[in-house]
Amino acid sequence: MRYIVLALSVFLMLGTASFAQTNKNTNLRFNESVLPYNNGLLISNYGTQSHTPKENEITGYIVYYKNKKLKQFIPADGILNQPTAMAVYKNKLYICNKRNIVVYNLTNKKISQIIGFDTNVKALNDIVLSGNELYVSATDNDCIFKINLKEKNLTPKKWLSLPSPNGIAVYGDTIYIASIPADYKNITSENVVYVVKNKKHPVVQKLNMTPGLYDGVAVSTDGQKVYVSDWNTASVISIDTENGLEQPVFMQKGMTPADITVNGNKLYIPDMFNHRVIIFDLKSGKTNIIQ
């Protein structure tokens, strides 16, 4: 299996210059993922007319929400095709971009590199930082990749195999992974939430027993609950990390809950097809909307 780390100078040869700095849109448009950053929130957007963009629709962008205002963070620069999950490590922003990971320098917002994967990887979905390592779910390849960020050449390596992984979250040395049907429609008994209790010696176990169209995963600050978004029930549920007990947390008809996150007592739910983020207070039960 060959992996290629593409330099920015090579990528710019692909004729994307006409897209650069042309999109000043700060609205949410098929927003898939959220990431707490610098007392605000980064939100990734497809920026397309459909939730299933064509290969030539390279209109993705990142916005920043803070003090009740949305502003442009990474513009539609002709590079982000279907930006989903994000992670920050040492002043760099790592963005899952369907077939690769695009890395931006947070000081100047310029691309520092693009991490390429083998050509058969076409659905990178979620990304999580644990220590000096990135864990990346490849839904179409039934595996999780690991990237050691301390290495000079950032090379994705297969770390774990499990059925069509989607969302991924970490708590200490424990990693939680949600499985979604490979066709995103037909649920099977394998499409549950899995747990790897020790990332250094990975063994896959089922955390719950109810299959679903699971997408995002987040862990409570005390590590006692795992929150999972489910498109099948238009809800977010919690799963007790000790006994696997499931409980509904937030449900709303027509909601399309994508890559959720928890920050303190706030649960952030990207309502993707409705172009908004729902902020749910886990203590008070109150909701606010970003749109």
Protein backbone atom coordinates (compact mmCIF):
# COMPACT_ATOMS: atom_id res chain seq x y z
CA MET A 1 0.00 0.00 0.00
CA ARG A 2 1.42 3.33 -1.05
CA TYR A 3 0.90 6.59 0.78
CA ILE A 4 1.79 9.99 -0.55
CA VAL A 5 2.26 13.22 1.37
CA LEU A 6 1.61 16.02 -1.10
CA ALA A 7 3.37 19.35 -0.77
CA LEU A 8 1.46 22.55 -1.31
CA SER A 9 3.56 23.47 -4.32
CA VAL A 10 2.48 20.29 -6.07
CA PHE A 11 -1.18 20.69 -5.29
CA LEU A 12 -1.33 24.22 -6.63
CA MET A 13 -0.44 22.83 -10.04
CA LEU A 14 -3.94 21.34 -10.24
CA GLY A 15 -5.42 24.62 -11.39
CA THR A 16 -7.30 25.63 -8.27
CA ALA A 17 -6.09 29.22 -8.17
CA SER A 18 -9.37 30.59 -9.52
CA PHE A 19 -11.13 29.48 -6.34
CA ALA A 20 -8.71 31.19 -3.97
CA GLN A 21 -10.16 33.80 -1.64
CA THR A 22 -13.34 34.13 -3.74
CA ASN A 23 -15.87 32.77 -1.27
CA LYS A 24 -16.64 35.26 1.47
CA ASN A 25 -19.72 33.36 2.59
CA THR A 26 -19.93 32.99 6.36
CA ASN A 27 -23.27 31.17 6.37
CA LEU A 28 -23.67 27.52 7.28
CA ARG A 29 -24.20 25.28 4.26
CA PHE A 30 -24.34 21.52 4.83
CA ASN A 31 -22.27 21.93 7.99
CA GLU A 32 -20.96 18.52 9.00
CA SER A 33 -18.68 18.96 12.00
CA VAL A 34 -17.83 21.26 14.90
CA LEU A 35 -14.66 21.74 16.95
CA PRO A 36 -14.19 23.94 20.03
CA TYR A 37 -11.29 26.32 19.37
CA ASN A 38 -9.98 29.43 21.15
CA ASN A 39 -13.19 29.95 23.16
CA GLY A 40 -15.25 29.63 20.01
CA LEU A 41 -16.34 26.98 17.54
CA LEU A 42 -14.98 25.93 14.17
CA ILE A 43 -17.68 24.63 11.80
CA SER A 44 -16.95 22.75 8.56
CA ASN A 45 -19.24 23.23 5.55
CA TYR A 46 -19.62 21.51 2.19
CA GLY A 47 -20.90 24.77 0.73
CA THR A 48 -22.73 22.93 -2.06
CA GLN A 49 -26.28 22.80 -3.39
CA SER A 50 -26.58 19.13 -2.39
CA HIS A 51 -25.40 17.04 0.55
CA THR A 52 -23.77 14.70 -1.96
CA PRO A 53 -21.39 16.97 -3.87
CA LYS A 54 -20.00 16.02 -7.24
CA GLU A 55 -16.28 15.42 -7.60
CA ASN A 56 -15.79 18.82 -9.22
CA GLU A 57 -17.71 20.71 -6.52
CA ILE A 58 -14.76 21.89 -4.47
CA THR A 59 -16.59 24.54 -2.49
CA GLY A 60 -15.95 23.56 1.11
CA TYR A 61 -15.01 26.10 3.78
CA ILE A 62 -14.64 26.58 7.53
CA VAL A 63 -16.36 29.28 9.58
CA TYR A 64 -15.70 30.42 13.13
CA TYR A 65 -18.42 31.14 15.68
CA LYS A 66 -17.69 33.34 18.66
CA ASN A 67 -19.64 35.94 20.64
CA LYS A 68 -22.80 35.03 18.70
CA LYS A 69 -21.18 35.91 15.39
CA LEU A 70 -20.10 33.80 12.41
CA LYS A 71 -17.07 34.80 10.40
CA GLN A 72 -14.93 33.31 7.67
CA PHE A 73 -12.02 31.20 8.89
CA ILE A 74 -10.86 29.07 5.92
CA PRO A 75 -12.47 30.33 2.68
CA ALA A 76 -13.60 28.20 -0.24
CA ASP A 77 -10.15 28.00 -1.80
CA GLY A 78 -10.68 25.23 -4.33
CA ILE A 79 -9.16 22.58 -2.08
CA LEU A 80 -11.81 21.52 0.41
CA ASN A 81 -14.22 19.16 -1.34
CA GLN A 82 -16.22 17.64 1.52
CA PRO A 83 -14.65 18.88 4.76
CA THR A 84 -15.85 16.97 7.78
CA ALA A 85 -14.06 16.52 11.11
CA MET A 86 -11.19 18.68 12.36
CA ALA A 87 -8.40 18.55 14.91
CA VAL A 88 -5.85 21.09 16.15
CA TYR A 89 -2.26 20.17 17.00
CA LYS A 90 0.61 22.61 17.59
CA ASN A 91 -0.87 25.55 15.71
CA LYS A 92 -2.05 23.45 12.79
CA LEU A 93 -5.59 22.59 11.75
CA TYR A 94 -6.11 19.08 10.35
CA ILE A 95 -9.25 18.68 8.23
CA CYS A 96 -10.74 15.43 6.91
CA ASN A 97 -11.38 16.09 3.23
CA LYS A 98 -12.95 12.89 1.85
CA ARG A 99 -9.79 11.39 0.29
CA ASN A 100 -7.06 13.23 2.18
CA ILE A 101 -6.30 15.39 5.18
CA VAL A 102 -5.61 19.05 4.50
CA VAL A 103 -3.34 20.78 7.02
CA TYR A 104 -3.55 24.55 7.54
CA ASN A 105 -1.15 26.76 9.47
CA LEU A 106 -3.30 28.59 12.02
CA THR A 107 -1.08 31.66 12.03
CA ASN A 108 -1.48 32.59 8.38
CA LYS A 109 -4.36 30.24 7.36
CA LYS A 110 -2.22 28.85 4.55
CA ILE A 111 -1.91 25.17 3.66
CA SER A 112 1.22 23.59 5.07
CA GLN A 113 0.66 20.16 3.52
CA ILE A 114 -1.83 17.58 2.34
CA ILE A 115 -1.68 14.06 3.75
CA GLY A 116 -2.59 11.60 1.05
CA PHE A 117 -4.03 8.12 1.45
CA ASP A 118 -4.09 5.10 -0.83
CA THR A 119 -6.32 5.56 -3.88
CA ASN A 120 -8.91 3.06 -2.60
CA VAL A 121 -9.68 5.31 0.38
CA LYS A 122 -12.57 7.54 -0.68
CA ALA A 123 -14.53 8.25 2.51
CA LEU A 124 -12.40 9.62 5.33
CA ASN A 125 -14.95 10.66 7.90
CA ASP A 126 -13.86 11.54 11.40
CA ILE A 127 -10.61 12.49 13.06
CA VAL A 128 -9.55 12.71 16.70
CA LEU A 129 -6.34 13.73 18.42
CA SER A 130 -4.90 11.62 21.23
CA GLY A 131 -1.52 12.70 22.51
CA ASN A 132 0.72 13.05 19.47
CA GLU A 133 -1.41 10.80 17.30
CA LEU A 134 -4.34 11.33 14.98
CA TYR A 135 -6.91 8.58 14.56
CA VAL A 136 -8.91 8.77 11.33
CA SER A 137 -11.95 6.71 10.34
CA ALA A 138 -12.19 5.43 6.76
CA THR A 139 -15.81 4.37 6.43
CA ASP A 140 -15.45 2.71 3.03
CA ASN A 141 -12.35 0.76 4.07
CA ASP A 142 -13.66 -0.68 7.36
CA CYS A 143 -10.68 0.63 9.25
CA ILE A 144 -9.14 3.30 11.45
CA PHE A 145 -5.85 4.88 10.42
CA LYS A 146 -3.28 6.28 12.82
CA ILE A 147 -0.85 9.11 12.08
CA ASN A 148 2.09 9.86 14.37
CA LEU A 149 2.43 13.65 14.28
CA LYS A 150 5.97 13.53 15.70
CA GLU A 151 7.27 11.76 12.62
CA LYS A 152 8.96 13.82 9.91
CA ASN A 153 6.91 12.22 7.15
CA LEU A 154 3.28 11.99 8.19
CA THR A 155 2.23 8.56 7.00
CA PRO A 156 -1.23 7.03 7.66
CA LYS A 157 -0.98 3.48 8.96
CA LYS A 158 -3.82 1.03 9.44
CA TRP A 159 -4.47 0.71 13.15
CA LEU A 160 -7.75 -1.19 13.52
CA SER A 161 -10.42 -2.94 11.48
CA LEU A 162 -14.17 -2.78 12.20
CA PRO A 163 -17.38 -2.42 10.18
CA SER A 164 -17.73 0.96 8.37
CA PRO A 165 -16.51 3.27 11.15
CA ASN A 166 -17.89 6.78 11.27
CA GLY A 167 -17.58 8.95 14.39
CA ILE A 168 -14.64 8.54 16.74
CA ALA A 169 -13.87 10.01 20.17
CA VAL A 170 -11.21 9.51 22.80
CA TYR A 171 -11.06 9.61 26.59
CA GLY A 172 -7.63 8.88 28.04
CA ASP A 173 -6.42 5.68 26.40
CA THR A 174 -9.98 4.62 25.54
CA ILE A 175 -11.39 5.17 22.05
CA TYR A 176 -15.07 5.03 21.07
CA ILE A 177 -16.13 4.40 17.47
CA ALA A 178 -19.59 4.51 15.88
CA SER A 179 -20.42 2.22 12.98
CA ILE A 180 -22.78 3.30 10.20
CA PRO A 181 -24.11 1.15 7.34
CA ALA A 182 -21.72 1.14 4.41
CA ASP A 183 -24.52 2.37 2.16
CA TYR A 184 -25.74 4.82 4.85
CA LYS A 185 -29.21 3.24 4.62
CA ASN A 186 -29.58 -0.44 5.49
CA ILE A 187 -28.85 -0.97 9.18
CA THR A 188 -27.31 -4.28 10.28
CA SER A 189 -26.49 -5.76 13.67
CA GLU A 190 -22.88 -4.59 13.23
CA ASN A 191 -23.85 -0.93 13.19
CA VAL A 192 -23.44 -0.20 16.88
CA VAL A 193 -20.97 1.77 19.00
CA TYR A 194 -17.64 0.08 19.70
CA VAL A 195 -15.04 0.65 22.39
CA VAL A 196 -11.29 0.07 22.43
CA LYS A 197 -10.36 0.25 26.11
CA ASN A 198 -6.61 0.50 25.58
CA LYS A 199 -5.38 2.15 22.40
CA LYS A 200 -1.89 0.71 22.95
CA HIS A 201 -3.29 -2.83 22.86
CA PRO A 202 -6.43 -2.44 20.72
CA VAL A 203 -9.22 -4.95 21.15
CA VAL A 204 -12.65 -4.09 19.69
CA GLN A 205 -15.74 -4.61 21.86
CA LYS A 206 -19.37 -3.59 21.46
CA LEU A 207 -20.42 -0.82 23.82
CA ASN A 208 -24.15 -1.01 23.10
CA MET A 209 -26.47 -3.45 21.35
CA THR A 210 -28.94 -1.21 19.48
CA PRO A 211 -27.97 -0.71 15.82
CA GLY A 212 -28.47 2.68 14.23
CA LEU A 213 -27.42 5.20 11.61
CA TYR A 214 -24.76 6.44 13.98
CA ASP A 215 -22.64 9.42 13.01
CA GLY A 216 -20.84 11.54 15.61
CA VAL A 217 -19.42 10.49 18.97
CA ALA A 218 -18.50 12.59 22.01
CA VAL A 219 -17.54 11.77 25.59
CA SER A 220 -18.72 13.52 28.76
CA THR A 221 -16.10 15.43 30.73
CA ASP A 222 -16.09 12.74 33.44
CA GLY A 223 -15.87 9.89 30.94
CA GLN A 224 -19.02 8.21 32.26
CA LYS A 225 -21.19 8.78 29.18
CA VAL A 226 -20.71 8.53 25.45
CA TYR A 227 -23.00 10.68 23.32
CA VAL A 228 -23.86 9.42 19.84
CA SER A 229 -25.90 11.04 17.07
CA ASP A 230 -28.35 8.80 15.22
CA TRP A 231 -29.93 9.80 11.92
CA ASN A 232 -32.37 6.88 12.13
CA THR A 233 -34.15 8.36 15.15
CA ALA A 234 -33.18 12.03 14.56
CA SER A 235 -31.66 12.07 18.01
CA VAL A 236 -28.62 12.06 20.24
CA ILE A 237 -28.44 9.28 22.81
CA SER A 238 -26.13 8.67 25.75
CA ILE A 239 -24.52 5.33 26.52
CA ASP A 240 -23.21 4.51 29.98
CA THR A 241 -19.56 3.53 29.59
CA GLU A 242 -19.80 0.96 32.39
CA ASN A 243 -22.97 -0.96 31.58
CA GLY A 244 -23.95 0.12 28.06
CA LEU A 245 -27.31 1.52 29.19
CA GLU A 246 -28.81 3.76 26.50
CA GLN A 247 -30.89 6.86 27.16
CA PRO A 248 -32.30 9.55 24.85
CA VAL A 249 -30.72 12.97 25.35
CA PHE A 250 -32.09 15.17 22.58
CA MET A 251 -34.57 14.41 19.80
CA GLN A 252 -36.15 16.64 17.18
CA LYS A 253 -38.23 15.64 14.18
CA GLY A 254 -36.42 16.35 10.93
CA MET A 255 -33.05 16.81 12.62
CA THR A 256 -30.01 15.50 10.74
CA PRO A 257 -27.39 15.16 13.49
CA ALA A 258 -23.84 14.84 12.17
CA ASP A 259 -20.45 15.05 13.94
CA ILE A 260 -21.35 16.19 17.46
CA THR A 261 -19.05 17.39 20.22
CA VAL A 262 -19.29 18.13 23.94
CA ASN A 263 -17.61 21.09 25.60
CA GLY A 264 -18.32 21.39 29.31
CA ASN A 265 -22.08 21.11 29.75
CA LYS A 266 -22.84 22.04 26.15
CA LEU A 267 -23.65 19.51 23.46
CA TYR A 268 -23.10 20.87 19.94
CA ILE A 269 -25.13 19.17 17.23
CA PRO A 270 -24.50 20.03 13.56
CA ASP A 271 -27.99 19.77 12.03
CA MET A 272 -26.46 19.25 8.62
CA PHE A 273 -29.34 19.33 6.15
CA ASN A 274 -30.99 22.21 8.00
CA HIS A 275 -27.80 24.31 7.84
CA ARG A 276 -27.53 25.06 11.53
CA VAL A 277 -25.88 24.00 14.79
CA ILE A 278 -28.04 23.17 17.79
CA ILE A 279 -26.49 23.96 21.18
CA PHE A 280 -28.09 21.85 23.89
CA ASP A 281 -27.36 22.53 27.55
CA LEU A 282 -27.01 19.14 29.21
CA LYS A 283 -27.86 20.58 32.64
CA SER A 284 -30.68 23.01 31.99
CA GLY A 285 -32.13 21.37 28.88
CA LYS A 286 -32.21 24.70 27.08
CA THR A 287 -31.33 25.05 23.42
CA ASN A 288 -29.78 27.75 21.28
CA ILE A 289 -29.29 27.81 17.53
CA ILE A 290 -26.36 28.90 15.36
CA GLN A 291 -27.39 29.65 11.79
